[in-house]
């Protein structure tokens, strides 16, 4: 897990795609941020085949706890790895003292105690891909796991980022974790999702380069759902989106409807764009929810692209509207996304 040397070797083996843009918490009306610490982090992972490597890095840059033992400069983080079908693949706890950092390799994971000792069974998720959620909780002087210390969410605590490499193709891409905050920083009961109160999502946009000029790509889309209490979790209930590609002349091309289950791991073309559709431009893949998303549902995603040593990574963008339903533009498409 703390395999910094392996982490650097993996990055050196490929061409690192710089796409970082901040990490995390709910200090805005949106309920998330890519620049401030958070209560919960959402990150993708892929170790589905031998040439896929993933490293997740999480730091406690601001999280301290109040307990019967007094102020404790630490939080307990609860890690869950979810499959594409929302099966829970792994579940363990990592103690992060203030300003502590951990690097996690999904092929070699264990719980970590307050003295940075690895404890418990070794977890190897080779052959899997999906989503990881990391949640910060208040802890005690022993850095006890969250169920033993009241399951009290700790906002404004942790930041993170990820790197996913394809060692055969010789590339890697990285991005920041999606950081989420709580409904109340003083007495929190749950982690909350965007959009801001009183607004709905009009569309989700994915920026991409001309697929004909990109050698490799990776797309992760996930259906997140807010819970009545506790952290946000991925949902196995699929979301449907009317889908278009809009080229750099603002000309839309109809694509098959996209259906996003718990986690969709795919590529740009084929994947988001079928091989049967000719695209020869950079542009935007626009996903319009059909029907409009219910309160507490959200689409999060990230994209990596590379051509030789050059590449980029970005997060899915969201357009919000005040009140009403989702825009009716681009709703005539039918079909289903093939991954």
Protein backbone atom coordinates (compact mmCIF):
# COMPACT_ATOMS: atom_id res chain seq x y z
CA UNK A 1 0.00 0.00 0.00
CA UNK A 2 2.72 2.46 0.91
CA UNK A 3 4.58 1.61 -2.25
CA UNK A 4 5.92 5.05 -3.17
CA UNK A 5 8.81 3.52 -5.07
CA UNK A 6 6.46 1.32 -7.13
CA UNK A 7 4.27 4.36 -7.67
CA UNK A 8 7.16 6.36 -9.13
CA UNK A 9 8.34 3.42 -11.23
CA UNK A 10 4.86 3.06 -12.73
CA UNK A 11 4.78 6.75 -13.62
CA UNK A 12 8.23 6.57 -15.18
CA UNK A 13 7.18 3.58 -17.30
CA UNK A 14 4.46 5.65 -18.93
CA UNK A 15 4.03 9.25 -19.93
CA UNK A 16 2.21 10.98 -17.11
CA UNK A 17 -0.79 12.91 -18.32
CA UNK A 18 -1.17 16.03 -16.22
CA UNK A 19 -4.80 16.78 -15.54
CA UNK A 20 -4.89 17.75 -11.92
CA UNK A 21 -7.20 20.53 -10.84
CA UNK A 22 -7.66 20.49 -7.10
CA UNK A 23 -9.35 18.44 -4.42
CA UNK A 24 -12.19 18.82 -2.23
CA UNK A 25 -14.90 19.80 0.30
CA UNK A 26 -18.31 21.27 0.52
CA UNK A 27 -17.45 24.91 1.06
CA UNK A 28 -19.55 26.10 -1.88
CA UNK A 29 -23.21 26.08 -2.70
CA UNK A 30 -22.54 23.14 -5.02
CA UNK A 31 -21.75 20.81 -2.13
CA UNK A 32 -18.35 19.87 -3.55
CA UNK A 33 -15.03 21.38 -4.52
CA UNK A 34 -11.87 20.36 -6.32
CA UNK A 35 -9.74 22.72 -4.22
CA UNK A 36 -10.59 22.13 -0.57
CA UNK A 37 -10.53 19.20 1.88
CA UNK A 38 -13.66 17.06 2.17
CA UNK A 39 -15.55 14.52 4.23
CA UNK A 40 -15.71 11.98 1.38
CA UNK A 41 -13.58 11.31 -1.69
CA UNK A 42 -14.65 9.46 -4.84
CA UNK A 43 -11.95 7.92 -7.07
CA UNK A 44 -11.90 5.40 -9.93
CA UNK A 45 -9.60 2.39 -10.11
CA UNK A 46 -8.65 -0.15 -12.78
CA UNK A 47 -6.52 -3.25 -12.25
CA UNK A 48 -8.70 -5.37 -14.52
CA UNK A 49 -5.83 -6.68 -16.65
CA UNK A 50 -2.11 -7.11 -16.09
CA UNK A 51 -1.10 -3.90 -17.86
CA UNK A 52 -3.41 -1.68 -15.78
CA UNK A 53 -1.97 -0.02 -12.68
CA UNK A 54 -3.78 2.26 -10.25
CA UNK A 55 -2.47 4.28 -7.32
CA UNK A 56 -4.66 6.32 -4.99
CA UNK A 57 -3.13 8.96 -2.75
CA UNK A 58 -5.04 10.45 0.19
CA UNK A 59 -3.82 13.02 2.73
CA UNK A 60 -5.29 14.38 5.94
CA UNK A 61 -4.46 18.09 5.60
CA UNK A 62 -6.95 19.52 8.08
CA UNK A 63 -8.76 16.80 10.02
CA UNK A 64 -8.64 16.59 13.82
CA UNK A 65 -11.12 14.90 16.16
CA UNK A 66 -12.81 15.69 19.46
CA UNK A 67 -13.30 12.75 21.78
CA UNK A 68 -13.50 11.73 25.43
CA UNK A 69 -9.69 11.71 25.33
CA UNK A 70 -9.61 15.36 24.29
CA UNK A 71 -8.48 16.75 20.97
CA UNK A 72 -6.94 14.12 18.68
CA UNK A 73 -4.87 15.19 15.67
CA UNK A 74 -6.18 12.36 13.48
CA UNK A 75 -9.17 10.95 11.62
CA UNK A 76 -10.15 7.42 10.71
CA UNK A 77 -10.77 6.89 7.00
CA UNK A 78 -13.08 4.14 5.80
CA UNK A 79 -12.23 2.77 2.36
CA UNK A 80 -14.73 0.83 0.22
CA UNK A 81 -13.94 -0.50 -3.26
CA UNK A 82 -17.01 -1.06 -5.45
CA UNK A 83 -17.24 -3.18 -8.58
CA UNK A 84 -18.93 -2.02 -11.77
CA UNK A 85 -22.06 -3.83 -10.51
CA UNK A 86 -21.89 -2.20 -7.06
CA UNK A 87 -20.58 -5.32 -5.33
CA UNK A 88 -18.48 -4.39 -2.30
CA UNK A 89 -15.03 -5.75 -3.14
CA UNK A 90 -13.04 -4.45 -0.17
CA UNK A 91 -13.69 -2.67 3.11
CA UNK A 92 -10.99 -1.49 5.51
CA UNK A 93 -9.89 1.42 7.71
CA UNK A 94 -6.81 3.63 7.57
CA UNK A 95 -5.78 5.95 10.40
CA UNK A 96 -4.53 9.28 9.08
CA UNK A 97 -2.90 11.54 11.61
CA UNK A 98 -2.83 15.25 10.78
CA UNK A 99 -0.68 15.88 7.69
CA UNK A 100 -0.31 12.14 7.10
CA UNK A 101 -0.41 10.69 3.56
CA UNK A 102 -1.00 7.20 2.23
CA UNK A 103 -0.56 5.69 -1.24
CA UNK A 104 -2.83 2.71 -1.94
CA UNK A 105 -2.32 0.07 -4.64
CA UNK A 106 -5.56 -1.94 -5.17
CA UNK A 107 -3.44 -5.07 -5.70
CA UNK A 108 -1.80 -4.81 -2.28
CA UNK A 109 -3.98 -3.23 0.43
CA UNK A 110 -4.36 -3.57 4.20
CA UNK A 111 -5.79 -1.61 7.09
CA UNK A 112 -3.33 0.82 8.70
CA UNK A 113 -3.15 1.73 12.41
CA UNK A 114 -2.12 4.96 14.14
CA UNK A 115 1.57 3.99 14.01
CA UNK A 116 1.46 3.42 10.23
CA UNK A 117 1.60 -0.35 10.66
CA UNK A 118 -0.25 -2.48 8.13
CA UNK A 119 -2.64 -4.81 9.92
CA UNK A 120 -5.18 -7.46 8.97
CA UNK A 121 -5.54 -9.47 5.77
CA UNK A 122 -3.88 -8.39 2.53
CA UNK A 123 -6.42 -7.45 -0.17
CA UNK A 124 -5.68 -7.97 -3.86
CA UNK A 125 -8.27 -6.74 -6.38
CA UNK A 126 -6.46 -7.94 -9.49
CA UNK A 127 -8.99 -8.42 -12.29
CA UNK A 128 -11.34 -5.70 -11.03
CA UNK A 129 -12.23 -2.11 -11.92
CA UNK A 130 -14.74 0.31 -10.50
CA UNK A 131 -14.95 2.96 -7.82
CA UNK A 132 -13.38 3.71 -4.44
CA UNK A 133 -14.99 5.86 -1.75
CA UNK A 134 -12.95 7.19 1.18
CA UNK A 135 -14.83 8.71 4.12
CA UNK A 136 -13.33 10.64 7.04
CA UNK A 137 -14.68 10.05 10.55
CA UNK A 138 -13.84 11.45 13.95
CA UNK A 139 -11.72 9.10 16.02
CA UNK A 140 -10.16 8.69 19.47
CA UNK A 141 -6.65 8.56 20.89
CA UNK A 142 -6.31 4.94 19.72
CA UNK A 143 -7.53 5.92 16.23
CA UNK A 144 -10.31 3.39 16.60
CA UNK A 145 -12.33 2.45 13.55
CA UNK A 146 -15.41 4.56 12.83
CA UNK A 147 -18.04 2.12 14.18
CA UNK A 148 -16.34 2.17 17.59
CA UNK A 149 -16.30 5.95 17.82
CA UNK A 150 -19.87 6.90 16.93
CA UNK A 151 -19.69 7.05 13.11
CA UNK A 152 -19.35 10.84 13.23
CA UNK A 153 -18.52 12.26 9.81
CA UNK A 154 -15.58 14.68 9.70
CA UNK A 155 -15.87 17.39 7.06
CA UNK A 156 -13.05 19.60 5.78
CA UNK A 157 -10.47 16.88 6.41
CA UNK A 158 -9.06 14.86 3.50
CA UNK A 159 -7.85 15.41 -0.07
CA UNK A 160 -6.85 12.88 -2.71
CA UNK A 161 -5.97 12.08 -6.28
CA UNK A 162 -5.46 9.06 -8.49
CA UNK A 163 -3.21 7.76 -11.26
CA UNK A 164 -4.26 5.05 -13.71
CA UNK A 165 -1.60 3.66 -16.04
CA UNK A 166 -1.60 1.43 -19.12
CA UNK A 167 1.91 0.04 -19.08
CA UNK A 168 1.59 -1.64 -22.49
CA UNK A 169 0.57 1.60 -24.20
CA UNK A 170 3.10 3.52 -22.10
CA UNK A 171 0.82 6.18 -20.69
CA UNK A 172 -0.83 7.22 -17.45
CA UNK A 173 -3.39 9.81 -16.52
CA UNK A 174 -4.22 11.37 -13.23
CA UNK A 175 -6.84 13.61 -11.73
CA UNK A 176 -8.04 14.84 -8.37
CA UNK A 177 -10.59 13.04 -6.27
CA UNK A 178 -14.18 14.26 -6.30
CA UNK A 179 -14.55 15.73 -2.82
CA UNK A 180 -17.92 15.94 -1.06
CA UNK A 181 -18.97 17.70 2.12
CA UNK A 182 -21.69 17.21 4.70
CA UNK A 183 -25.13 18.67 5.33
CA UNK A 184 -23.85 20.36 8.49
CA UNK A 185 -20.23 20.78 9.51
CA UNK A 186 -21.05 21.10 13.22
CA UNK A 187 -23.46 18.16 13.60
CA UNK A 188 -23.31 16.31 10.27
CA UNK A 189 -25.70 13.48 9.50
CA UNK A 190 -24.85 12.73 5.88
CA UNK A 191 -22.63 13.54 2.91
CA UNK A 192 -24.42 15.59 0.25
CA UNK A 193 -24.31 15.67 -3.55
CA UNK A 194 -24.72 18.53 -6.03
CA UNK A 195 -26.57 20.40 -7.46
CA UNK A 196 -27.24 23.39 -5.18
CA UNK A 197 -30.61 23.59 -3.49
CA UNK A 198 -33.36 24.74 -5.85
CA UNK A 199 -31.45 23.77 -8.99
CA UNK A 200 -31.50 20.80 -11.35
CA UNK A 201 -28.94 19.38 -13.76
CA UNK A 202 -29.57 20.41 -17.35
CA UNK A 203 -26.72 18.34 -18.83
CA UNK A 204 -23.37 16.70 -18.20
CA UNK A 205 -20.58 17.48 -20.68
CA UNK A 206 -17.43 15.48 -21.46
CA UNK A 207 -14.68 17.38 -23.30
CA UNK A 208 -12.57 15.29 -25.65
CA UNK A 209 -9.98 15.50 -28.38
CA UNK A 210 -10.55 14.20 -31.90
CA UNK A 211 -10.94 10.43 -31.33
CA UNK A 212 -9.00 9.76 -34.57
CA UNK A 213 -5.91 11.45 -33.12
CA UNK A 214 -6.01 9.71 -29.73
CA UNK A 215 -4.18 6.42 -29.28
CA UNK A 216 -5.73 5.41 -25.97
CA UNK A 217 -8.53 6.65 -23.76
CA UNK A 218 -10.31 5.67 -20.56
CA UNK A 219 -13.71 6.86 -19.36
CA UNK A 220 -15.22 6.28 -15.91
CA UNK A 221 -18.84 7.26 -15.26
CA UNK A 222 -20.70 6.46 -12.06
CA UNK A 223 -24.18 6.90 -10.66
CA UNK A 224 -23.83 8.37 -7.18
CA UNK A 225 -26.70 8.45 -4.72
CA UNK A 226 -27.11 10.42 -1.51
CA UNK A 227 -28.19 8.34 1.50
CA UNK A 228 -30.60 9.26 4.30
CA UNK A 229 -27.65 9.19 6.67
CA UNK A 230 -23.96 8.54 6.20
CA UNK A 231 -21.76 8.69 3.11
CA UNK A 232 -22.69 8.88 -0.56
CA UNK A 233 -22.61 5.50 -2.33
CA UNK A 234 -22.71 4.34 -5.95
CA UNK A 235 -26.08 3.01 -7.10
CA UNK A 236 -26.74 -0.04 -9.25
CA UNK A 237 -29.88 1.61 -10.64
CA UNK A 238 -28.95 2.76 -14.18
CA UNK A 239 -29.28 6.36 -15.32
CA UNK A 240 -30.35 7.09 -18.92
CA UNK A 241 -29.07 10.01 -20.95
CA UNK A 242 -29.99 11.36 -24.37
CA UNK A 243 -26.56 11.79 -25.95
CA UNK A 244 -24.99 13.95 -28.64
CA UNK A 245 -21.51 14.77 -29.85
CA UNK A 246 -21.05 18.48 -30.58
CA UNK A 247 -18.04 19.22 -32.80
CA UNK A 248 -15.86 22.33 -32.90
CA UNK A 249 -18.28 23.97 -35.36
CA UNK A 250 -21.09 23.48 -32.81
CA UNK A 251 -22.73 20.86 -35.05
CA UNK A 252 -24.47 18.09 -33.06
CA UNK A 253 -24.37 14.41 -34.04
CA UNK A 254 -26.89 12.06 -32.48
CA UNK A 255 -25.42 9.17 -30.49
CA UNK A 256 -27.14 6.15 -28.94
CA UNK A 257 -28.60 6.81 -25.51
CA UNK A 258 -26.09 6.33 -22.72
CA UNK A 259 -27.02 4.09 -19.81
CA UNK A 260 -24.78 4.43 -16.78
CA UNK A 261 -25.05 1.69 -14.15
CA UNK A 262 -23.12 1.67 -10.88
CA UNK A 263 -19.82 2.27 -12.69
CA UNK A 264 -19.31 2.35 -16.45
CA UNK A 265 -15.69 1.77 -17.50
CA UNK A 266 -15.29 2.31 -21.22
CA UNK A 267 -13.35 4.28 -23.85
CA UNK A 268 -14.21 7.15 -26.17
CA UNK A 269 -14.55 5.18 -29.42
CA UNK A 270 -15.79 2.52 -29.38
CA UNK A 271 -17.63 3.21 -26.14
CA UNK A 272 -19.09 6.65 -25.75
CA UNK A 273 -19.09 6.92 -29.54
CA UNK A 274 -19.81 3.75 -31.58
CA UNK A 275 -17.43 2.82 -34.41
CA UNK A 276 -20.37 3.12 -36.82
CA UNK A 277 -20.46 6.90 -36.28
CA UNK A 278 -17.74 8.97 -37.96
CA UNK A 279 -16.26 11.71 -35.80
CA UNK A 280 -13.37 13.87 -37.02
CA UNK A 281 -13.13 16.72 -34.54
CA UNK A 282 -12.54 17.59 -30.95
CA UNK A 283 -15.69 18.50 -29.10
CA UNK A 284 -18.17 17.67 -26.36
CA UNK A 285 -20.19 14.57 -25.58
CA UNK A 286 -23.36 15.96 -24.00
CA UNK A 287 -25.43 13.76 -21.70
CA UNK A 288 -28.96 14.99 -20.93
CA UNK A 289 -30.73 13.05 -18.15
CA UNK A 290 -33.94 11.35 -19.31
CA UNK A 291 -35.96 11.76 -17.17
CA UNK A 292 -34.51 14.56 -15.05
CA UNK A 293 -32.41 13.29 -12.18
CA UNK A 294 -34.20 12.69 -8.91
CA UNK A 295 -33.07 14.58 -5.83
CA UNK A 296 -30.02 12.87 -4.41
CA UNK A 297 -28.84 11.35 -7.71
CA UNK A 298 -25.78 12.57 -9.60
CA UNK A 299 -23.42 11.55 -12.40
CA UNK A 300 -19.70 11.83 -11.75
CA UNK A 301 -17.00 10.89 -14.19
CA UNK A 302 -13.47 11.37 -15.41
CA UNK A 303 -11.74 10.97 -18.77
CA UNK A 304 -8.14 10.30 -19.75
CA UNK A 305 -6.72 10.55 -23.29
CA UNK A 306 -3.21 10.17 -24.68
CA UNK A 307 -1.27 10.38 -27.94
CA UNK A 308 2.28 9.26 -27.39
CA UNK A 309 3.75 11.42 -24.61
CA UNK A 310 0.94 13.97 -24.83
CA UNK A 311 -2.39 13.76 -23.14
CA UNK A 312 -4.97 15.16 -20.79
CA UNK A 313 -7.40 14.26 -18.06
CA UNK A 314 -10.61 16.02 -17.12
CA UNK A 315 -13.74 15.61 -15.03
CA UNK A 316 -17.30 15.56 -16.32
CA UNK A 317 -18.80 19.07 -16.23
CA UNK A 318 -22.37 19.84 -15.13
CA UNK A 319 -24.74 22.63 -16.23
CA UNK A 320 -27.33 23.60 -13.63
CA UNK A 321 -30.67 25.34 -14.10
CA UNK A 322 -32.93 26.95 -11.53
CA UNK A 323 -36.17 25.01 -11.01
CA UNK A 324 -38.10 23.21 -13.72
CA UNK A 325 -37.14 20.05 -15.55
CA UNK A 326 -34.21 19.08 -17.68
CA UNK A 327 -33.80 20.79 -21.04
CA UNK A 328 -35.72 19.10 -23.84
CA UNK A 329 -32.93 19.67 -26.32
CA UNK A 330 -31.34 16.56 -27.78
CA UNK A 331 -33.97 14.12 -26.52
CA UNK A 332 -34.83 12.37 -29.76
CA UNK A 333 -32.10 9.75 -29.57
CA UNK A 334 -32.78 6.10 -28.76
CA UNK A 335 -30.66 3.05 -28.23
CA UNK A 336 -28.04 2.11 -25.67
CA UNK A 337 -24.39 2.81 -25.11
CA UNK A 338 -22.12 -0.15 -25.83
CA UNK A 339 -19.07 -0.44 -23.66
